[in-house]
Amino acid sequence: MNIRNTVLTTIVLLALPGVAHAQSQWGLMGSFSPEWRTPPALAEKLGGASAEASGQDITIGFVRGRAQGGDWGFSFTRKRWDDGSGASDTELDCTTYANGCFAAGDAFSTRGVSVTGIEVHKYMPFVTIKRRAQIGLSIAGGVGWVSGQADRITAFPKHVATDPRTREQFATQVFEAEQVEAKDELFSILPIAKLHLVAAGIIGPHLKVKVQSGLNFPGTEMVSFSLVYLF
C-alpha cells in the first residue's frame, strides 16, 4: 500500500510541471507593421481605374495561450493611411471636341486618414523546433472606423462654342475640388482582415517574438513584428 502511494505521488509530482507548462496563460501583445501597401490589381478593384494606398499599422491587445503553443486574443488596432493615398476613375475623351482631349471623372486622395478598430486574432503553430522556434499561421478579423479628410477632384469638359459651318464643338477643361470626410469616400466602417505566415522565437516561458508577412486588408505587408508576453 505504501509502495503504491509512493509511486502515485512520484507520478503526480513528475506530471505537475508538465501540467503547469501546458496551461494557458493570459498576456499582452503588441505588433507593428512599418508598411502595408495595396497591390495595383487589388487597388483597381477597390478604387477605380487606378489606385494606390499605403500606410502603417500598430496593434495592442490581450492574449490567452502558451509559449510552446498557440494563442488567441482581442486587440485594438490603428491603421494609418499615407497622405496622398487614393484612387482615380477618369477617362480621356479625344473624339467629342475638336480642340483636343478632355478628362472626365473623379479622383480623391487622403489627408490625415486612419482606421481605428477592434479585432479578434488567433495564432496556430504548425511546428515547434527544439522548443525555441515555431512556424505557423496567424489570422485576424474585425471592424474599424474611418476618420480624416479626403480631397475630391471632379474633372469634366465644359462646352464653350460650336462652329456654325462645320458643327464642330469646342470645350475647355474644368476641375472642381472639394474637401470631404474620408468616410464618404471609403465607407464609415471598414473590415479588418489579416492572414500572416509567422516565424516565432520563444525567448522563455513568458516571452515570444514573431516576425510575419502576408495580407493586411486592404493591402499586403512584406514584414511586421509582434511581441507576446505571458503572465
Protein backbone atom coordinates (compact mmCIF):
# COMPACT_ATOMS: atom_id res chain seq x y z
CA MET A 1 0.00 0.00 0.00
CA ASN A 2 2.80 2.38 0.95
CA ILE A 3 4.70 1.44 -2.20
CA ARG A 4 1.64 2.17 -4.34
CA ASN A 5 1.12 5.52 -2.66
CA THR A 6 4.76 6.37 -3.17
CA VAL A 7 4.60 5.51 -6.86
CA LEU A 8 1.40 7.53 -7.34
CA THR A 9 2.86 10.51 -5.50
CA THR A 10 6.01 10.36 -7.64
CA ILE A 11 3.97 10.25 -10.86
CA VAL A 12 1.89 13.26 -9.76
CA LEU A 13 4.97 15.27 -8.82
CA LEU A 14 6.61 14.48 -12.14
CA ALA A 15 3.46 15.42 -14.02
CA LEU A 16 2.87 18.73 -12.27
CA PRO A 17 5.50 20.75 -14.17
CA GLY A 18 4.12 19.46 -17.46
CA VAL A 19 0.57 20.31 -16.44
CA ALA A 20 1.56 23.82 -15.36
CA HIS A 21 3.53 24.29 -18.52
CA ALA A 22 0.59 23.12 -20.61
CA GLN A 23 -1.84 25.54 -19.00
CA SER A 24 -2.81 28.60 -20.97
CA GLN A 25 -1.82 31.98 -19.62
CA TRP A 26 -3.12 35.49 -20.09
CA GLY A 27 -0.76 38.04 -21.52
CA LEU A 28 -0.20 41.18 -23.52
CA MET A 29 0.74 41.58 -27.17
CA GLY A 30 1.81 44.34 -29.47
CA SER A 31 2.61 44.40 -33.16
CA PHE A 32 3.88 46.94 -35.64
CA SER A 33 3.86 46.97 -39.42
CA PRO A 34 6.23 49.60 -40.85
CA GLU A 35 4.47 49.48 -44.20
CA TRP A 36 1.41 47.94 -45.80
CA ARG A 37 0.70 48.61 -49.45
CA THR A 38 -2.23 47.78 -51.70
CA PRO A 39 -1.17 45.77 -54.77
CA PRO A 40 -2.17 47.53 -58.02
CA ALA A 41 -4.52 44.74 -59.11
CA LEU A 42 -6.44 44.81 -55.82
CA ALA A 43 -6.38 48.61 -55.67
CA GLU A 44 -8.03 48.84 -59.08
CA LYS A 45 -10.85 46.56 -57.99
CA LEU A 46 -11.35 48.58 -54.81
CA GLY A 47 -10.92 52.09 -56.09
CA GLY A 48 -11.29 52.55 -59.82
CA ALA A 49 -9.19 52.77 -62.94
CA SER A 50 -6.03 53.50 -60.96
CA ALA A 51 -5.47 53.48 -57.22
CA GLU A 52 -2.72 53.47 -54.64
CA ALA A 53 -2.88 53.07 -50.87
CA SER A 54 -0.20 52.55 -48.23
CA GLY A 55 0.47 53.21 -44.57
CA GLN A 56 1.49 51.78 -41.21
CA ASP A 57 -0.28 49.62 -38.64
CA ILE A 58 0.03 49.28 -34.86
CA THR A 59 -1.89 46.80 -32.67
CA ILE A 60 -2.06 46.39 -28.88
CA GLY A 61 -4.15 43.83 -27.03
CA PHE A 62 -4.61 40.80 -24.80
CA VAL A 63 -3.81 37.15 -25.49
CA ARG A 64 -4.50 33.76 -23.98
CA GLY A 65 -2.09 30.97 -24.84
CA ARG A 66 1.13 29.09 -24.20
CA ALA A 67 4.74 29.85 -25.04
CA GLN A 68 5.13 26.38 -26.55
CA GLY A 69 1.75 26.52 -28.26
CA GLY A 70 -0.57 28.94 -29.95
CA ASP A 71 -2.61 31.84 -28.67
CA TRP A 72 -5.76 33.85 -29.31
CA GLY A 73 -6.95 37.22 -28.16
CA PHE A 74 -8.50 40.57 -28.96
CA SER A 75 -6.79 43.83 -29.76
CA PHE A 76 -7.18 47.49 -30.53
CA THR A 77 -5.64 48.46 -33.85
CA ARG A 78 -4.89 51.69 -35.66
CA LYS A 79 -4.11 51.65 -39.36
CA ARG A 80 -2.71 54.92 -40.66
CA TRP A 81 -3.01 55.81 -44.35
CA ASP A 82 -0.25 57.77 -46.01
CA ASP A 83 -1.33 61.18 -47.25
CA GLY A 84 -1.99 61.02 -50.98
CA SER A 85 -3.41 57.50 -50.94
CA GLY A 86 -6.45 57.34 -53.14
CA ALA A 87 -7.99 56.43 -56.45
CA SER A 88 -8.74 57.95 -59.82
CA ASP A 89 -11.61 56.89 -62.05
CA THR A 90 -11.27 59.21 -65.03
CA GLU A 91 -11.45 58.74 -68.78
CA LEU A 92 -9.93 60.76 -71.62
CA ASP A 93 -12.27 61.80 -74.43
CA CYS A 94 -10.44 62.71 -77.65
CA THR A 95 -13.33 62.46 -80.12
CA THR A 96 -16.15 64.72 -78.94
CA TYR A 97 -14.41 68.08 -79.17
CA ALA A 98 -12.36 69.49 -82.00
CA ASN A 99 -9.81 71.30 -79.85
CA GLY A 100 -8.24 68.38 -78.02
CA CYS A 101 -8.66 65.65 -75.44
CA PHE A 102 -10.53 66.22 -72.18
CA ALA A 103 -10.65 64.29 -68.91
CA ALA A 104 -13.91 63.32 -67.24
CA GLY A 105 -14.35 61.57 -63.93
CA ASP A 106 -13.49 61.71 -60.25
CA ALA A 107 -10.36 61.29 -58.17
CA PHE A 108 -9.68 61.50 -54.45
CA SER A 109 -6.64 61.49 -52.18
CA THR A 110 -6.45 61.05 -48.40
CA ARG A 111 -5.22 63.52 -45.82
CA GLY A 112 -4.74 62.55 -42.17
CA VAL A 113 -6.74 59.35 -42.58
CA SER A 114 -6.67 56.45 -40.12
CA VAL A 115 -8.82 53.43 -39.35
CA THR A 116 -9.23 52.66 -35.64
CA GLY A 117 -10.87 49.40 -34.69
CA ILE A 118 -11.02 46.15 -32.77
CA GLU A 119 -10.02 42.70 -33.94
CA VAL A 120 -10.01 39.10 -32.78
CA HIS A 121 -6.88 37.15 -33.65
CA LYS A 122 -5.58 33.58 -33.42
CA TYR A 123 -2.08 32.17 -33.88
CA MET A 124 -1.73 28.50 -34.82
CA PRO A 125 1.79 26.97 -34.89
CA PHE A 126 2.45 24.20 -37.39
CA VAL A 127 5.70 23.03 -35.87
CA THR A 128 7.89 23.79 -32.85
CA ILE A 129 11.63 23.36 -33.32
CA LYS A 130 13.66 22.40 -30.23
CA ARG A 131 11.24 24.36 -28.03
CA ARG A 132 12.86 27.58 -29.28
CA ALA A 133 11.24 28.37 -32.63
CA GLN A 134 7.90 27.96 -34.32
CA ILE A 135 6.40 28.28 -37.78
CA GLY A 136 2.69 28.92 -38.02
CA LEU A 137 -0.26 30.88 -39.31
CA SER A 138 -2.00 33.90 -37.81
CA ILE A 139 -5.49 35.10 -38.72
CA ALA A 140 -7.45 38.13 -37.52
CA GLY A 141 -10.75 39.80 -38.27
CA GLY A 142 -12.70 42.80 -37.05
CA VAL A 143 -14.04 46.23 -37.93
CA GLY A 144 -12.58 49.72 -37.96
CA TRP A 145 -13.96 53.25 -38.07
CA VAL A 146 -12.60 55.72 -40.61
CA SER A 147 -11.53 59.25 -39.66
CA GLY A 148 -9.75 62.01 -41.56
CA GLN A 149 -10.23 64.02 -44.71
CA ALA A 150 -10.12 63.44 -48.44
CA ASP A 151 -9.66 65.83 -51.34
CA ARG A 152 -12.06 65.07 -54.17
CA ILE A 153 -11.41 66.41 -57.66
CA THR A 154 -14.04 66.20 -60.38
CA ALA A 155 -12.91 66.74 -63.98
CA PHE A 156 -15.18 67.43 -66.93
CA PRO A 157 -15.17 69.29 -70.27
CA LYS A 158 -17.28 72.45 -70.48
CA HIS A 159 -18.76 73.28 -73.84
CA VAL A 160 -17.84 76.80 -74.94
CA ALA A 161 -18.69 77.08 -78.64
CA THR A 162 -19.89 75.37 -81.81
CA ASP A 163 -18.62 76.21 -85.29
CA PRO A 164 -21.75 77.10 -87.30
CA ARG A 165 -20.19 75.95 -90.56
CA THR A 166 -18.66 72.63 -89.54
CA ARG A 167 -20.79 72.00 -86.44
CA GLU A 168 -17.58 71.13 -84.60
CA GLN A 169 -17.76 71.62 -80.84
CA PHE A 170 -15.14 73.29 -78.66
CA ALA A 171 -14.63 72.96 -74.91
CA THR A 172 -12.39 73.92 -72.04
CA GLN A 173 -11.16 71.61 -69.27
CA VAL A 174 -12.69 72.18 -65.84
CA PHE A 175 -11.52 70.84 -62.48
CA GLU A 176 -13.65 71.23 -59.37
CA ALA A 177 -12.10 70.46 -55.98
CA GLU A 178 -13.73 69.98 -52.60
CA GLN A 179 -12.75 68.66 -49.19
CA VAL A 180 -14.89 65.83 -47.83
CA GLU A 181 -14.87 63.40 -44.96
CA ALA A 182 -12.78 60.33 -45.79
CA LYS A 183 -15.62 58.06 -44.69
CA ASP A 184 -17.69 59.45 -47.56
CA GLU A 185 -15.13 58.02 -49.99
CA LEU A 186 -14.00 54.89 -48.13
CA PHE A 187 -17.18 53.98 -46.17
CA SER A 188 -17.56 54.88 -42.50
CA ILE A 189 -16.75 51.32 -41.36
CA LEU A 190 -14.12 49.13 -42.99
CA PRO A 191 -13.49 45.42 -42.40
CA ILE A 192 -10.22 44.34 -40.80
CA ALA A 193 -8.71 41.13 -42.16
CA LYS A 194 -5.22 39.73 -41.66
CA LEU A 195 -3.61 36.47 -42.73
CA HIS A 196 0.08 36.01 -41.92
CA LEU A 197 2.73 33.36 -42.21
CA VAL A 198 4.62 33.55 -38.91
CA ALA A 199 8.12 32.68 -37.72
CA ALA A 200 8.30 32.89 -33.92
CA GLY A 201 11.20 32.78 -31.49
CA ILE A 202 10.49 31.52 -27.96
CA ILE A 203 12.73 33.60 -25.67
CA GLY A 204 11.48 31.98 -22.47
CA PRO A 205 8.35 30.68 -20.72
CA HIS A 206 6.79 34.14 -20.84
CA LEU A 207 8.14 35.87 -23.95
CA LYS A 208 7.68 35.21 -27.66
CA VAL A 209 8.80 37.29 -30.63
CA LYS A 210 7.10 36.91 -34.02
CA VAL A 211 8.11 38.01 -37.50
CA GLN A 212 5.29 37.75 -40.02
CA SER A 213 4.27 38.57 -43.55
CA GLY A 214 1.08 38.40 -45.57
CA LEU A 215 -2.33 40.01 -46.01
CA ASN A 216 -3.28 43.16 -44.11
CA PHE A 217 -6.50 44.35 -45.78
CA PRO A 218 -6.75 46.47 -47.86
CA GLY A 219 -3.12 45.66 -48.61
CA THR A 220 -0.24 43.32 -48.01
CA GLU A 221 2.88 43.76 -45.92
CA MET A 222 6.39 42.49 -46.53
CA VAL A 223 7.14 42.17 -42.81
CA SER A 224 5.66 43.07 -39.43
CA PHE A 225 6.82 42.41 -35.90
CA SER A 226 4.92 41.15 -32.88
CA LEU A 227 5.78 40.66 -29.20
CA VAL A 228 3.81 38.44 -26.80
CA TYR A 229 4.36 38.49 -23.03
CA LEU A 230 2.55 35.86 -20.93
CA PHE A 231 1.98 36.43 -17.20
